[in-house]
C-alpha atoms as a PDB file:
ATOM      1  CA  UNK A   1      17.873   7.900 -16.437  1.00  0.00           C
ATOM      2  CA  UNK A   2      18.418   7.108 -12.762  1.00  0.00           C
ATOM      3  CA  UNK A   3      17.789   3.448 -11.920  1.00  0.00           C
ATOM      4  CA  UNK A   4      18.372   3.886  -8.187  1.00  0.00           C
ATOM      5  CA  UNK A   5      15.374   2.129  -6.637  1.00  0.00           C
ATOM      6  CA  UNK A   6      16.507   2.518  -3.036  1.00  0.00           C
ATOM      7  CA  UNK A   7      13.884   4.108  -0.805  1.00  0.00           C
ATOM      8  CA  UNK A   8      15.353   6.680   1.527  1.00  0.00           C
ATOM      9  CA  UNK A   9      13.803   7.298   4.945  1.00  0.00           C
ATOM     10  CA  UNK A  10      14.020  10.986   5.813  1.00  0.00           C
ATOM     11  CA  UNK A  11      17.052  12.115   7.788  1.00  0.00           C
ATOM     12  CA  UNK A  12      16.720  13.385  11.339  1.00  0.00           C
ATOM     13  CA  UNK A  13      18.601  16.406  12.673  1.00  0.00           C
ATOM     14  CA  UNK A  14      19.144  15.105  16.231  1.00  0.00           C
ATOM     15  CA  UNK A  15      18.162  11.766  17.721  1.00  0.00           C
ATOM     16  CA  UNK A  16      18.754   8.035  17.558  1.00  0.00           C
ATOM     17  CA  UNK A  17      18.617   5.538  14.721  1.00  0.00           C
ATOM     18  CA  UNK A  18      18.253   1.868  15.691  1.00  0.00           C
ATOM     19  CA  UNK A  19      19.202  -0.451  12.838  1.00  0.00           C
ATOM     20  CA  UNK A  20      19.424  -4.236  12.340  1.00  0.00           C
ATOM     21  CA  UNK A  21      16.249  -5.130  14.223  1.00  0.00           C
ATOM     22  CA  UNK A  22      14.740  -8.458  13.109  1.00  0.00           C
ATOM     23  CA  UNK A  23      11.528  -7.374  11.322  1.00  0.00           C
ATOM     24  CA  UNK A  24       9.203  -9.556  13.382  1.00  0.00           C
ATOM     25  CA  UNK A  25      10.442  -7.863  16.580  1.00  0.00           C
ATOM     26  CA  UNK A  26       9.967  -4.252  15.440  1.00  0.00           C
ATOM     27  CA  UNK A  27       6.871  -3.624  17.551  1.00  0.00           C
ATOM     28  CA  UNK A  28       8.381  -5.376  20.606  1.00  0.00           C
ATOM     29  CA  UNK A  29      11.366  -3.016  20.379  1.00  0.00           C
ATOM     30  CA  UNK A  30       9.065  -0.013  20.063  1.00  0.00           C
ATOM     31  CA  UNK A  31       7.128  -1.154  23.153  1.00  0.00           C
ATOM     32  CA  UNK A  32      10.277  -1.947  25.191  1.00  0.00           C
ATOM     33  CA  UNK A  33      11.581   1.572  24.484  1.00  0.00           C
ATOM     34  CA  UNK A  34       8.205   3.188  25.203  1.00  0.00           C
ATOM     35  CA  UNK A  35       7.937   4.578  21.682  1.00  0.00           C
ATOM     36  CA  UNK A  36       4.232   3.744  21.620  1.00  0.00           C
ATOM     37  CA  UNK A  37       3.782   6.590  24.168  1.00  0.00           C
ATOM     38  CA  UNK A  38       6.296   9.182  22.957  1.00  0.00           C
ATOM     39  CA  UNK A  39       5.528  12.665  21.693  1.00  0.00           C
ATOM     40  CA  UNK A  40       8.708  12.670  19.562  1.00  0.00           C
ATOM     41  CA  UNK A  41       8.642  11.960  15.843  1.00  0.00           C
ATOM     42  CA  UNK A  42       9.233   8.235  15.185  1.00  0.00           C
ATOM     43  CA  UNK A  43       9.865   6.895  11.682  1.00  0.00           C
ATOM     44  CA  UNK A  44      10.310   3.205  11.006  1.00  0.00           C
ATOM     45  CA  UNK A  45      11.001   0.913   8.105  1.00  0.00           C
ATOM     46  CA  UNK A  46       9.759  -2.660   8.142  1.00  0.00           C
ATOM     47  CA  UNK A  47      10.795  -5.731   6.097  1.00  0.00           C
ATOM     48  CA  UNK A  48      13.776  -3.922   4.583  1.00  0.00           C
ATOM     49  CA  UNK A  49      16.381  -5.991   2.776  1.00  0.00           C
ATOM     50  CA  UNK A  50      19.281  -7.172   4.967  1.00  0.00           C
ATOM     51  CA  UNK A  51      22.238  -9.343   3.987  1.00  0.00           C
ATOM     52  CA  UNK A  52      22.697 -10.394   7.618  1.00  0.00           C
ATOM     53  CA  UNK A  53      19.072 -10.912   8.731  1.00  0.00           C
ATOM     54  CA  UNK A  54      17.140 -11.536   5.498  1.00  0.00           C
ATOM     55  CA  UNK A  55      14.764  -8.727   6.420  1.00  0.00           C
ATOM     56  CA  UNK A  56      15.235  -6.069   9.030  1.00  0.00           C
ATOM     57  CA  UNK A  57      13.530  -3.097  10.588  1.00  0.00           C
ATOM     58  CA  UNK A  58      14.925   0.333  11.370  1.00  0.00           C
ATOM     59  CA  UNK A  59      13.620   2.976  13.777  1.00  0.00           C
ATOM     60  CA  UNK A  60      14.493   6.686  13.757  1.00  0.00           C
ATOM     61  CA  UNK A  61      13.547   8.707  16.831  1.00  0.00           C
ATOM     62  CA  UNK A  62      13.946  12.474  16.547  1.00  0.00           C
ATOM     63  CA  UNK A  63      15.053  14.414  19.616  1.00  0.00           C
ATOM     64  CA  UNK A  64      15.616  11.321  21.763  1.00  0.00           C
ATOM     65  CA  UNK A  65      18.805   9.855  23.192  1.00  0.00           C
ATOM     66  CA  UNK A  66      18.395   6.617  25.145  1.00  0.00           C
ATOM     67  CA  UNK A  67      20.250   5.540  28.281  1.00  0.00           C
ATOM     68  CA  UNK A  68      22.407   2.437  27.841  1.00  0.00           C
ATOM     69  CA  UNK A  69      20.255   0.403  30.249  1.00  0.00           C
ATOM     70  CA  UNK A  70      17.153   1.166  28.165  1.00  0.00           C
ATOM     71  CA  UNK A  71      18.846   0.277  24.916  1.00  0.00           C
ATOM     72  CA  UNK A  72      20.316  -2.945  26.297  1.00  0.00           C
ATOM     73  CA  UNK A  73      16.791  -4.209  27.010  1.00  0.00           C
ATOM     74  CA  UNK A  74      16.194  -4.571  23.264  1.00  0.00           C
ATOM     75  CA  UNK A  75      19.132  -6.993  23.025  1.00  0.00           C
ATOM     76  CA  UNK A  76      16.664  -9.671  24.204  1.00  0.00           C
ATOM     77  CA  UNK A  77      14.961  -9.571  20.806  1.00  0.00           C
ATOM     78  CA  UNK A  78      17.463  -7.676  18.662  1.00  0.00           C
ATOM     79  CA  UNK A  79      20.963  -8.834  19.658  1.00  0.00           C
ATOM     80  CA  UNK A  80      22.430  -7.549  16.358  1.00  0.00           C
ATOM     81  CA  UNK A  81      20.928  -4.068  16.771  1.00  0.00           C
ATOM     82  CA  UNK A  82      23.167  -1.087  16.118  1.00  0.00           C
ATOM     83  CA  UNK A  83      22.560   2.447  17.329  1.00  0.00           C
ATOM     84  CA  UNK A  84      23.620   5.610  15.616  1.00  0.00           C
ATOM     85  CA  UNK A  85      23.488   8.808  17.642  1.00  0.00           C
ATOM     86  CA  UNK A  86      22.717  11.738  15.320  1.00  0.00           C
ATOM     87  CA  UNK A  87      23.562  15.374  16.032  1.00  0.00           C
ATOM     88  CA  UNK A  88      23.086  18.024  13.346  1.00  0.00           C
ATOM     89  CA  UNK A  89      22.400  15.307  10.717  1.00  0.00           C
ATOM     90  CA  UNK A  90      25.756  13.587  11.392  1.00  0.00           C
ATOM     91  CA  UNK A  91      26.457  10.235  13.075  1.00  0.00           C
ATOM     92  CA  UNK A  92      28.493  11.248  16.124  1.00  0.00           C
ATOM     93  CA  UNK A  93      28.477   7.906  17.944  1.00  0.00           C
ATOM     94  CA  UNK A  94      27.802   4.258  17.141  1.00  0.00           C
ATOM     95  CA  UNK A  95      26.748   1.761  19.807  1.00  0.00           C
ATOM     96  CA  UNK A  96      26.109  -1.977  19.875  1.00  0.00           C
ATOM     97  CA  UNK A  97      23.513  -3.455  22.238  1.00  0.00           C
ATOM     98  CA  UNK A  98      24.529  -5.998  24.884  1.00  0.00           C
ATOM     99  CA  UNK A  99      22.224  -8.314  26.815  1.00  0.00           C
ATOM    100  CA  UNK A 100      22.261  -6.982  30.408  1.00  0.00           C
ATOM    101  CA  UNK A 101      22.937  -9.252  33.414  1.00  0.00           C
ATOM    102  CA  UNK A 102      19.469  -8.639  34.866  1.00  0.00           C
ATOM    103  CA  UNK A 103      16.096  -8.111  33.247  1.00  0.00           C
ATOM    104  CA  UNK A 104      13.532  -6.286  35.370  1.00  0.00           C
ATOM    105  CA  UNK A 105       9.909  -5.674  34.426  1.00  0.00           C
ATOM    106  CA  UNK A 106      10.189  -6.356  30.690  1.00  0.00           C
ATOM    107  CA  UNK A 107       9.151  -9.956  30.158  1.00  0.00           C
ATOM    108  CA  UNK A 108       6.855 -12.443  31.871  1.00  0.00           C
ATOM    109  CA  UNK A 109       7.901 -15.665  33.584  1.00  0.00           C
ATOM    110  CA  UNK A 110       6.819 -18.660  31.519  1.00  0.00           C
ATOM    111  CA  UNK A 111       5.935 -20.649  34.680  1.00  0.00           C
ATOM    112  CA  UNK A 112       2.121 -20.402  34.953  1.00  0.00           C
ATOM    113  CA  UNK A 113       2.396 -21.020  38.718  1.00  0.00           C
ATOM    114  CA  UNK A 114       4.945 -18.229  39.327  1.00  0.00           C
ATOM    115  CA  UNK A 115       3.776 -15.602  41.812  1.00  0.00           C
ATOM    116  CA  UNK A 116       4.558 -12.880  39.240  1.00  0.00           C
ATOM    117  CA  UNK A 117       1.739 -14.231  37.055  1.00  0.00           C
ATOM    118  CA  UNK A 118      -0.805 -13.973  39.911  1.00  0.00           C
ATOM    119  CA  UNK A 119       0.208 -10.890  41.933  1.00  0.00           C
ATOM    120  CA  UNK A 120       0.791  -7.263  40.938  1.00  0.00           C
ATOM    121  CA  UNK A 121       4.588  -7.325  41.048  1.00  0.00           C
ATOM    122  CA  UNK A 122       7.576  -6.590  38.853  1.00  0.00           C
ATOM    123  CA  UNK A 123       9.227  -9.574  37.192  1.00  0.00           C
ATOM    124  CA  UNK A 124      12.943 -10.049  37.866  1.00  0.00           C
ATOM    125  CA  UNK A 125      15.344 -12.337  36.024  1.00  0.00           C
ATOM    126  CA  UNK A 126      19.030 -13.108  36.050  1.00  0.00           C
ATOM    127  CA  UNK A 127      20.438 -13.699  32.561  1.00  0.00           C
ATOM    128  CA  UNK A 128      21.862 -17.235  32.555  1.00  0.00           C
ATOM    129  CA  UNK A 129      22.772 -17.309  28.860  1.00  0.00           C
ATOM    130  CA  UNK A 130      23.025 -14.495  26.319  1.00  0.00           C
ATOM    131  CA  UNK A 131      22.913 -16.366  22.980  1.00  0.00           C
ATOM    132  CA  UNK A 132      20.268 -17.677  22.749  1.00  0.00           C
ATOM    133  CA  UNK A 133      18.807 -15.823  25.715  1.00  0.00           C
ATOM    134  CA  UNK A 134      17.894 -17.785  28.861  1.00  0.00           C
ATOM    135  CA  UNK A 135      16.460 -15.945  31.856  1.00  0.00           C
ATOM    136  CA  UNK A 136      16.151 -17.403  35.362  1.00  0.00           C
ATOM    137  CA  UNK A 137      13.226 -16.057  37.389  1.00  0.00           C
ATOM    138  CA  UNK A 138      14.364 -14.741  40.779  1.00  0.00           C
ATOM    139  CA  UNK A 139      11.040 -15.818  42.340  1.00  0.00           C
ATOM    140  CA  UNK A 140      10.407 -19.384  41.079  1.00  0.00           C
ATOM    141  CA  UNK A 141      13.820 -20.110  39.469  1.00  0.00           C
ATOM    142  CA  UNK A 142      12.181 -21.355  36.242  1.00  0.00           C
ATOM    143  CA  UNK A 143      14.141 -20.693  33.045  1.00  0.00           C
ATOM    144  CA  UNK A 144      12.407 -18.666  30.328  1.00  0.00           C
ATOM    145  CA  UNK A 145      14.146 -19.137  26.977  1.00  0.00           C
ATOM    146  CA  UNK A 146      14.331 -16.991  23.832  1.00  0.00           C
ATOM    147  CA  UNK A 147      11.388 -18.777  22.197  1.00  0.00           C
ATOM    148  CA  UNK A 148       9.057 -18.114  25.146  1.00  0.00           C
ATOM    149  CA  UNK A 149       9.730 -14.417  25.767  1.00  0.00           C
ATOM    150  CA  UNK A 150       6.421 -12.667  26.351  1.00  0.00           C
ATOM    151  CA  UNK A 151       6.594  -8.958  27.041  1.00  0.00           C
ATOM    152  CA  UNK A 152       4.786  -7.280  29.918  1.00  0.00           C
END
């Protein structure tokens, strides 16, 4: 009798697997990558067991290969994320995300008086610190920290 209780998420032929996402940030990652508007097949696992994170999420996107600058955006909420590039059911490349030096149009400034919160304009930040994340608004110079990230 087989006692293997592991649940397998179906394999994808070609695409990207994003692993080691903190569970509570799964939907932020999906939004950041625009997966809420894709026509490609997206499979995800939520609250999966993880030795490193306690629980984690995983996303599999069939037929999609992300640019590095898109993937690096998720480092704001998933700095431990790992990417596996799949071609013909095989992992052909592994990537690790890195917090980029600038963040444009992803998160809001936490300063309620900032012009970006009152005008139709793209937010722009310089990354001051990568762990934990601290972003300096290029308009008002207020620091938005990891705990106050609010996505556009």
